[in-house]
Amino acid sequence: MDVMFYILLKAINLVQLALLYKHFEHWAIKSDIPWRAIKPHLDDAIEKARPLWPEALKNLPMNEGHKQQLRAHWQRLDEDFRV
């Protein structure tokens, strides 16, 4: 059963990833900007944020409980978006 759950979870994550990209693609079309011009920047922004956010979060003037919720949220993201 654990393997089936893992496969289902991965499938859900892939759908979420596809939906996120679809949202950005939709915004690009509405803005009359070619998607192929947006996607590399989206991928680049995600890659740049990964190493910066965990350390930056420590120094942000934020409620500690909110920081913990944000860290927990990051762990639930698909590996492509996980910080």
PDB file of N, CA and C in Angstrom:
ATOM      1  N   MET A   1       0.814  -1.201   0.000  1.00  0.00           N
ATOM      2  CA  MET A   1       0.000   0.000   0.000  1.00  0.00           C
ATOM      3  C   MET A   1       0.852   1.256   0.000  1.00  0.00           C
ATOM      4  N   ASP A   2       1.989   1.236   0.670  1.00  0.00           N
ATOM      5  CA  ASP A   2       2.849   2.405   0.721  1.00  0.00           C
ATOM      6  C   ASP A   2       3.343   2.799  -0.666  1.00  0.00           C
ATOM      7  N   VAL A   3       3.644   1.828  -1.507  1.00  0.00           N
ATOM      8  CA  VAL A   3       4.134   2.123  -2.856  1.00  0.00           C
ATOM      9  C   VAL A   3       3.038   2.794  -3.663  1.00  0.00           C
ATOM     10  N   MET A   4       1.830   2.319  -3.557  1.00  0.00           N
ATOM     11  CA  MET A   4       0.717   2.917  -4.287  1.00  0.00           C
ATOM     12  C   MET A   4       0.464   4.352  -3.816  1.00  0.00           C
ATOM     13  N   PHE A   5       0.570   4.568  -2.512  1.00  0.00           N
ATOM     14  CA  PHE A   5       0.392   5.912  -1.970  1.00  0.00           C
ATOM     15  C   PHE A   5       1.477   6.839  -2.512  1.00  0.00           C
ATOM     16  N   TYR A   6       2.709   6.369  -2.547  1.00  0.00           N
ATOM     17  CA  TYR A   6       3.828   7.157  -3.065  1.00  0.00           C
ATOM     18  C   TYR A   6       3.600   7.512  -4.540  1.00  0.00           C
ATOM     19  N   ILE A   7       3.161   6.539  -5.326  1.00  0.00           N
ATOM     20  CA  ILE A   7       2.903   6.782  -6.748  1.00  0.00           C
ATOM     21  C   ILE A   7       1.775   7.793  -6.918  1.00  0.00           C
ATOM     22  N   LEU A   8       0.727   7.657  -6.126  1.00  0.00           N
ATOM     23  CA  LEU A   8      -0.386   8.605  -6.183  1.00  0.00           C
ATOM     24  C   LEU A   8       0.072  10.005  -5.783  1.00  0.00           C
ATOM     25  N   LEU A   9       0.868  10.102  -4.732  1.00  0.00           N
ATOM     26  CA  LEU A   9       1.380  11.388  -4.284  1.00  0.00           C
ATOM     27  C   LEU A   9       2.238  12.041  -5.367  1.00  0.00           C
ATOM     28  N   LYS A  10       3.086  11.258  -6.016  1.00  0.00           N
ATOM     29  CA  LYS A  10       3.916  11.788  -7.095  1.00  0.00           C
ATOM     30  C   LYS A  10       3.049  12.273  -8.252  1.00  0.00           C
ATOM     31  N   ALA A  11       2.013  11.523  -8.564  1.00  0.00           N
ATOM     32  CA  ALA A  11       1.111  11.922  -9.645  1.00  0.00           C
ATOM     33  C   ALA A  11       0.423  13.243  -9.302  1.00  0.00           C
ATOM     34  N   ILE A  12      -0.019  13.381  -8.070  1.00  0.00           N
ATOM     35  CA  ILE A  12      -0.656  14.623  -7.635  1.00  0.00           C
ATOM     36  C   ILE A  12       0.335  15.777  -7.727  1.00  0.00           C
ATOM     37  N   ASN A  13       1.569  15.552  -7.303  1.00  0.00           N
ATOM     38  CA  ASN A  13       2.589  16.596  -7.373  1.00  0.00           C
ATOM     39  C   ASN A  13       2.859  17.015  -8.814  1.00  0.00           C
ATOM     40  N   LEU A  14       2.877  16.043  -9.725  1.00  0.00           N
ATOM     41  CA  LEU A  14       3.094  16.370 -11.132  1.00  0.00           C
ATOM     42  C   LEU A  14       1.948  17.209 -11.685  1.00  0.00           C
ATOM     43  N   VAL A  15       0.734  16.881 -11.270  1.00  0.00           N
ATOM     44  CA  VAL A  15      -0.427  17.659 -11.696  1.00  0.00           C
ATOM     45  C   VAL A  15      -0.320  19.078 -11.144  1.00  0.00           C
ATOM     46  N   GLN A  16       0.076  19.207  -9.874  1.00  0.00           N
ATOM     47  CA  GLN A  16       0.233  20.535  -9.284  1.00  0.00           C
ATOM     48  C   GLN A  16       1.300  21.332 -10.025  1.00  0.00           C
ATOM     49  N   LEU A  17       2.392  20.691 -10.366  1.00  0.00           N
ATOM     50  CA  LEU A  17       3.459  21.340 -11.118  1.00  0.00           C
ATOM     51  C   LEU A  17       2.939  21.800 -12.473  1.00  0.00           C
ATOM     52  N   ALA A  18       2.223  20.934 -13.138  1.00  0.00           N
ATOM     53  CA  ALA A  18       1.664  21.275 -14.445  1.00  0.00           C
ATOM     54  C   ALA A  18       0.684  22.434 -14.315  1.00  0.00           C
ATOM     55  N   LEU A  19      -0.114  22.433 -13.266  1.00  0.00           N
ATOM     56  CA  LEU A  19      -1.073  23.525 -13.068  1.00  0.00           C
ATOM     57  C   LEU A  19      -0.368  24.846 -12.800  1.00  0.00           C
ATOM     58  N   LEU A  20       0.708  24.809 -12.015  1.00  0.00           N
ATOM     59  CA  LEU A  20       1.450  26.027 -11.740  1.00  0.00           C
ATOM     60  C   LEU A  20       2.016  26.604 -13.033  1.00  0.00           C
ATOM     61  N   TYR A  21       2.626  25.741 -13.835  1.00  0.00           N
ATOM     62  CA  TYR A  21       3.158  26.203 -15.108  1.00  0.00           C
ATOM     63  C   TYR A  21       2.037  26.702 -16.019  1.00  0.00           C
ATOM     64  N   LYS A  22       0.881  26.042 -15.973  1.00  0.00           N
ATOM     65  CA  LYS A  22      -0.263  26.484 -16.784  1.00  0.00           C
ATOM     66  C   LYS A  22      -0.713  27.887 -16.367  1.00  0.00           C
ATOM     67  N   HIS A  23      -0.704  28.167 -15.046  1.00  0.00           N
ATOM     68  CA  HIS A  23      -1.077  29.503 -14.575  1.00  0.00           C
ATOM     69  C   HIS A  23      -0.125  30.553 -15.141  1.00  0.00           C
ATOM     70  N   PHE A  24       1.165  30.290 -15.041  1.00  0.00           N
ATOM     71  CA  PHE A  24       2.139  31.241 -15.574  1.00  0.00           C
ATOM     72  C   PHE A  24       2.003  31.371 -17.093  1.00  0.00           C
ATOM     73  N   GLU A  25       1.746  30.244 -17.742  1.00  0.00           N
ATOM     74  CA  GLU A  25       1.566  30.277 -19.189  1.00  0.00           C
ATOM     75  C   GLU A  25       0.333  31.124 -19.547  1.00  0.00           C
ATOM     76  N   HIS A  26      -0.740  30.947 -18.796  1.00  0.00           N
ATOM     77  CA  HIS A  26      -1.964  31.726 -19.014  1.00  0.00           C
ATOM     78  C   HIS A  26      -1.690  33.222 -18.841  1.00  0.00           C
ATOM     79  N   TRP A  27      -0.960  33.575 -17.780  1.00  0.00           N
ATOM     80  CA  TRP A  27      -0.639  34.983 -17.542  1.00  0.00           C
ATOM     81  C   TRP A  27       0.225  35.543 -18.673  1.00  0.00           C
ATOM     82  N   ALA A  28       1.142  34.712 -19.166  1.00  0.00           N
ATOM     83  CA  ALA A  28       1.998  35.154 -20.271  1.00  0.00           C
ATOM     84  C   ALA A  28       1.145  35.445 -21.507  1.00  0.00           C
ATOM     85  N   ILE A  29       0.221  34.554 -21.811  1.00  0.00           N
ATOM     86  CA  ILE A  29      -0.649  34.741 -22.978  1.00  0.00           C
ATOM     87  C   ILE A  29      -1.505  35.997 -22.809  1.00  0.00           C
ATOM     88  N   LYS A  30      -2.089  36.170 -21.615  1.00  0.00           N
ATOM     89  CA  LYS A  30      -2.916  37.358 -21.364  1.00  0.00           C
ATOM     90  C   LYS A  30      -2.097  38.636 -21.479  1.00  0.00           C
ATOM     91  N   SER A  31      -0.818  38.555 -21.170  1.00  0.00           N
ATOM     92  CA  SER A  31       0.066  39.726 -21.236  1.00  0.00           C
ATOM     93  C   SER A  31       0.702  39.884 -22.603  1.00  0.00           C
ATOM     94  N   ASP A  32       0.368  38.961 -23.502  1.00  0.00           N
ATOM     95  CA  ASP A  32       0.925  38.974 -24.848  1.00  0.00           C
ATOM     96  C   ASP A  32       2.450  38.823 -24.835  1.00  0.00           C
ATOM     97  N   ILE A  33       2.910  37.931 -23.946  1.00  0.00           N
ATOM     98  CA  ILE A  33       4.337  37.613 -23.851  1.00  0.00           C
ATOM     99  C   ILE A  33       4.486  36.138 -24.181  1.00  0.00           C
ATOM    100  N   PRO A  34       5.406  35.776 -25.054  1.00  0.00           N
ATOM    101  CA  PRO A  34       5.576  34.355 -25.395  1.00  0.00           C
ATOM    102  C   PRO A  34       5.982  33.528 -24.166  1.00  0.00           C
ATOM    103  N   TRP A  35       5.317  32.398 -23.967  1.00  0.00           N
ATOM    104  CA  TRP A  35       5.601  31.511 -22.846  1.00  0.00           C
ATOM    105  C   TRP A  35       7.058  31.083 -22.839  1.00  0.00           C
ATOM    106  N   ARG A  36       7.627  30.848 -24.012  1.00  0.00           N
ATOM    107  CA  ARG A  36       9.020  30.400 -24.083  1.00  0.00           C
ATOM    108  C   ARG A  36       9.977  31.468 -23.540  1.00  0.00           C
ATOM    109  N   ALA A  37       9.504  32.718 -23.465  1.00  0.00           N
ATOM    110  CA  ALA A  37      10.314  33.783 -22.879  1.00  0.00           C
ATOM    111  C   ALA A  37      10.175  33.819 -21.358  1.00  0.00           C
ATOM    112  N   ILE A  38       9.078  33.305 -20.830  1.00  0.00           N
ATOM    113  CA  ILE A  38       8.801  33.334 -19.391  1.00  0.00           C
ATOM    114  C   ILE A  38       9.372  32.121 -18.668  1.00  0.00           C
ATOM    115  N   LYS A  39       9.174  30.925 -19.231  1.00  0.00           N
ATOM    116  CA  LYS A  39       9.528  29.686 -18.534  1.00  0.00           C
ATOM    117  C   LYS A  39      10.976  29.636 -18.058  1.00  0.00           C
ATOM    118  N   PRO A  40      11.967  30.004 -18.866  1.00  0.00           N
ATOM    119  CA  PRO A  40      13.347  29.950 -18.359  1.00  0.00           C
ATOM    120  C   PRO A  40      13.569  30.861 -17.149  1.00  0.00           C
ATOM    121  N   HIS A  41      12.869  31.996 -17.116  1.00  0.00           N
ATOM    122  CA  HIS A  41      13.007  32.918 -15.988  1.00  0.00           C
ATOM    123  C   HIS A  41      12.329  32.356 -14.735  1.00  0.00           C
ATOM    124  N   LEU A  42      11.205  31.686 -14.928  1.00  0.00           N
ATOM    125  CA  LEU A  42      10.536  31.034 -13.803  1.00  0.00           C
ATOM    126  C   LEU A  42      11.434  29.949 -13.223  1.00  0.00           C
ATOM    127  N   ASP A  43      11.990  29.111 -14.083  1.00  0.00           N
ATOM    128  CA  ASP A  43      12.903  28.058 -13.619  1.00  0.00           C
ATOM    129  C   ASP A  43      14.120  28.657 -12.911  1.00  0.00           C
ATOM    130  N   ASP A  44      14.663  29.739 -13.474  1.00  0.00           N
ATOM    131  CA  ASP A  44      15.834  30.399 -12.889  1.00  0.00           C
ATOM    132  C   ASP A  44      15.511  30.984 -11.516  1.00  0.00           C
ATOM    133  N   ALA A  45      14.345  31.618 -11.390  1.00  0.00           N
ATOM    134  CA  ALA A  45      13.944  32.206 -10.111  1.00  0.00           C
ATOM    135  C   ALA A  45      13.808  31.144  -9.033  1.00  0.00           C
ATOM    136  N   ILE A  46      13.253  30.001  -9.393  1.00  0.00           N
ATOM    137  CA  ILE A  46      13.098  28.904  -8.434  1.00  0.00           C
ATOM    138  C   ILE A  46      14.470  28.401  -7.989  1.00  0.00           C
ATOM    139  N   GLU A  47      15.386  28.228  -8.933  1.00  0.00           N
ATOM    140  CA  GLU A  47      16.732  27.748  -8.604  1.00  0.00           C
ATOM    141  C   GLU A  47      17.492  28.738  -7.721  1.00  0.00           C
ATOM    142  N   LYS A  48      17.316  30.015  -7.968  1.00  0.00           N
ATOM    143  CA  LYS A  48      17.998  31.035  -7.161  1.00  0.00           C
ATOM    144  C   LYS A  48      17.406  31.140  -5.758  1.00  0.00           C
ATOM    145  N   ALA A  49      16.112  30.921  -5.640  1.00  0.00           N
ATOM    146  CA  ALA A  49      15.445  31.043  -4.340  1.00  0.00           C
ATOM    147  C   ALA A  49      15.795  29.892  -3.399  1.00  0.00           C
ATOM    148  N   ARG A  50      16.024  28.723  -3.950  1.00  0.00           N
ATOM    149  CA  ARG A  50      16.272  27.539  -3.105  1.00  0.00           C
ATOM    150  C   ARG A  50      17.360  27.748  -2.058  1.00  0.00           C
ATOM    151  N   PRO A  51      18.547  28.184  -2.438  1.00  0.00           N
ATOM    152  CA  PRO A  51      19.594  28.318  -1.416  1.00  0.00           C
ATOM    153  C   PRO A  51      19.434  29.558  -0.537  1.00  0.00           C
ATOM    154  N   LEU A  52      18.688  30.557  -0.979  1.00  0.00           N
ATOM    155  CA  LEU A  52      18.585  31.814  -0.246  1.00  0.00           C
ATOM    156  C   LEU A  52      17.506  31.822   0.828  1.00  0.00           C
ATOM    157  N   TRP A  53      16.348  31.234   0.546  1.00  0.00           N
ATOM    158  CA  TRP A  53      15.208  31.364   1.437  1.00  0.00           C
ATOM    159  C   TRP A  53      15.403  30.776   2.830  1.00  0.00           C
ATOM    160  N   PRO A  54      15.967  29.588   2.975  1.00  0.00           N
ATOM    161  CA  PRO A  54      16.081  29.049   4.339  1.00  0.00           C
ATOM    162  C   PRO A  54      16.869  29.967   5.275  1.00  0.00           C
ATOM    163  N   GLU A  55      17.964  30.517   4.798  1.00  0.00           N
ATOM    164  CA  GLU A  55      18.761  31.418   5.636  1.00  0.00           C
ATOM    165  C   GLU A  55      18.070  32.761   5.816  1.00  0.00           C
ATOM    166  N   ALA A  56      17.470  33.270   4.745  1.00  0.00           N
ATOM    167  CA  ALA A  56      16.778  34.558   4.822  1.00  0.00           C
ATOM    168  C   ALA A  56      15.617  34.504   5.801  1.00  0.00           C
ATOM    169  N   LEU A  57      14.946  33.376   5.854  1.00  0.00           N
ATOM    170  CA  LEU A  57      13.796  33.235   6.748  1.00  0.00           C
ATOM    171  C   LEU A  57      14.199  33.424   8.208  1.00  0.00           C
ATOM    172  N   LYS A  58      15.400  32.992   8.553  1.00  0.00           N
ATOM    173  CA  LYS A  58      15.870  33.137   9.941  1.00  0.00           C
ATOM    174  C   LYS A  58      15.913  34.600  10.365  1.00  0.00           C
ATOM    175  N   ASN A  59      16.219  35.498   9.429  1.00  0.00           N
ATOM    176  CA  ASN A  59      16.409  36.907   9.753  1.00  0.00           C
ATOM    177  C   ASN A  59      15.181  37.781   9.502  1.00  0.00           C
ATOM    178  N   LEU A  60      14.126  37.218   8.959  1.00  0.00           N
ATOM    179  CA  LEU A  60      12.934  38.010   8.688  1.00  0.00           C
ATOM    180  C   LEU A  60      12.178  38.329   9.977  1.00  0.00           C
ATOM    181  N   PRO A  61      11.623  39.547  10.090  1.00  0.00           N
ATOM    182  CA  PRO A  61      10.843  39.903  11.268  1.00  0.00           C
ATOM    183  C   PRO A  61       9.441  39.305  11.163  1.00  0.00           C
ATOM    184  N   MET A  62       9.375  38.014  11.463  1.00  0.00           N
ATOM    185  CA  MET A  62       8.142  37.261  11.282  1.00  0.00           C
ATOM    186  C   MET A  62       7.869  36.448  12.534  1.00  0.00           C
ATOM    187  N   ASN A  63       6.628  36.222  12.828  1.00  0.00           N
ATOM    188  CA  ASN A  63       6.245  35.363  13.938  1.00  0.00           C
ATOM    189  C   ASN A  63       6.859  33.979  13.733  1.00  0.00           C
ATOM    190  N   GLU A  64       7.445  33.425  14.786  1.00  0.00           N
ATOM    191  CA  GLU A  64       8.128  32.128  14.674  1.00  0.00           C
ATOM    192  C   GLU A  64       7.166  31.021  14.243  1.00  0.00           C
ATOM    193  N   GLY A  65       5.928  31.084  14.697  1.00  0.00           N
ATOM    194  CA  GLY A  65       4.940  30.092  14.280  1.00  0.00           C
ATOM    195  C   GLY A  65       4.676  30.146  12.779  1.00  0.00           C
ATOM    196  N   HIS A  66       4.668  31.351  12.224  1.00  0.00           N
ATOM    197  CA  HIS A  66       4.474  31.504  10.780  1.00  0.00           C
ATOM    198  C   HIS A  66       5.675  30.969  10.017  1.00  0.00           C
ATOM    199  N   LYS A  67       6.859  31.181  10.567  1.00  0.00           N
ATOM    200  CA  LYS A  67       8.068  30.639   9.937  1.00  0.00           C
ATOM    201  C   LYS A  67       8.008  29.115   9.896  1.00  0.00           C
ATOM    202  N   GLN A  68       7.555  28.516  10.979  1.00  0.00           N
ATOM    203  CA  GLN A  68       7.446  27.060  11.027  1.00  0.00           C
ATOM    204  C   GLN A  68       6.418  26.571  10.012  1.00  0.00           C
ATOM    205  N   GLN A  69       5.315  27.283   9.885  1.00  0.00           N
ATOM    206  CA  GLN A  69       4.306  26.906   8.896  1.00  0.00           C
ATOM    207  C   GLN A  69       4.864  27.006   7.476  1.00  0.00           C
ATOM    208  N   LEU A  70       5.654  28.020   7.224  1.00  0.00           N
ATOM    209  CA  LEU A  70       6.257  28.190   5.906  1.00  0.00           C
ATOM    210  C   LEU A  70       7.239  27.057   5.613  1.00  0.00           C
ATOM    211  N   ARG A  71       8.056  26.699   6.597  1.00  0.00           N
ATOM    212  CA  ARG A  71       8.989  25.574   6.412  1.00  0.00           C
ATOM    213  C   ARG A  71       8.235  24.279   6.143  1.00  0.00           C
ATOM    214  N   ALA A  72       7.145  24.062   6.876  1.00  0.00           N
ATOM    215  CA  ALA A  72       6.335  22.857   6.676  1.00  0.00           C
ATOM    216  C   ALA A  72       5.725  22.869   5.269  1.00  0.00           C
ATOM    217  N   HIS A  73       5.282  24.033   4.828  1.00  0.00           N
ATOM    218  CA  HIS A  73       4.724  24.153   3.474  1.00  0.00           C
ATOM    219  C   HIS A  73       5.782  23.804   2.437  1.00  0.00           C
ATOM    220  N   TRP A  74       6.990  24.296   2.607  1.00  0.00           N
ATOM    221  CA  TRP A  74       8.076  24.005   1.665  1.00  0.00           C
ATOM    222  C   TRP A  74       8.314  22.507   1.553  1.00  0.00           C
ATOM    223  N   GLN A  75       8.212  21.816   2.672  1.00  0.00           N
ATOM    224  CA  GLN A  75       8.454  20.367   2.659  1.00  0.00           C
ATOM    225  C   GLN A  75       7.356  19.606   1.923  1.00  0.00           C
ATOM    226  N   ARG A  76       6.178  20.195   1.823  1.00  0.00           N
ATOM    227  CA  ARG A  76       5.069  19.533   1.122  1.00  0.00           C
ATOM    228  C   ARG A  76       5.090  19.786  -0.385  1.00  0.00           C
ATOM    229  N   LEU A  77       5.913  20.727  -0.825  1.00  0.00           N
ATOM    230  CA  LEU A  77       5.971  21.049  -2.254  1.00  0.00           C
ATOM    231  C   LEU A  77       6.610  19.917  -3.031  1.00  0.00           C
ATOM    232  N   ASP A  78       6.281  19.861  -4.298  1.00  0.00           N
ATOM    233  CA  ASP A  78       6.945  18.926  -5.202  1.00  0.00           C
ATOM    234  C   ASP A  78       8.445  19.225  -5.181  1.00  0.00           C
ATOM    235  N   GLU A  79       9.255  18.211  -5.409  1.00  0.00           N
ATOM    236  CA  GLU A  79      10.713  18.379  -5.360  1.00  0.00           C
ATOM    237  C   GLU A  79      11.192  19.475  -6.289  1.00  0.00           C
ATOM    238  N   ASP A  80      10.494  19.707  -7.394  1.00  0.00           N
ATOM    239  CA  ASP A  80      10.893  20.768  -8.321  1.00  0.00           C
ATOM    240  C   ASP A  80      10.784  22.145  -7.708  1.00  0.00           C
ATOM    241  N   PHE A  81       9.926  22.296  -6.709  1.00  0.00           N
ATOM    242  CA  PHE A  81       9.704  23.605  -6.075  1.00  0.00           C
ATOM    243  C   PHE A  81      10.160  23.654  -4.632  1.00  0.00           C
ATOM    244  N   ARG A  82      10.573  22.549  -4.071  1.00  0.00           N
ATOM    245  CA  ARG A  82      10.936  22.486  -2.655  1.00  0.00           C
ATOM    246  C   ARG A  82      12.140  23.364  -2.373  1.00  0.00           C
ATOM    247  N   VAL A  83      12.068  24.079  -1.258  1.00  0.00           N
ATOM    248  CA  VAL A  83      13.163  24.954  -0.834  1.00  0.00           C
ATOM    249  C   VAL A  83      14.012  24.202   0.170  1.00  0.00           C
TER     250      VAL A  83
END
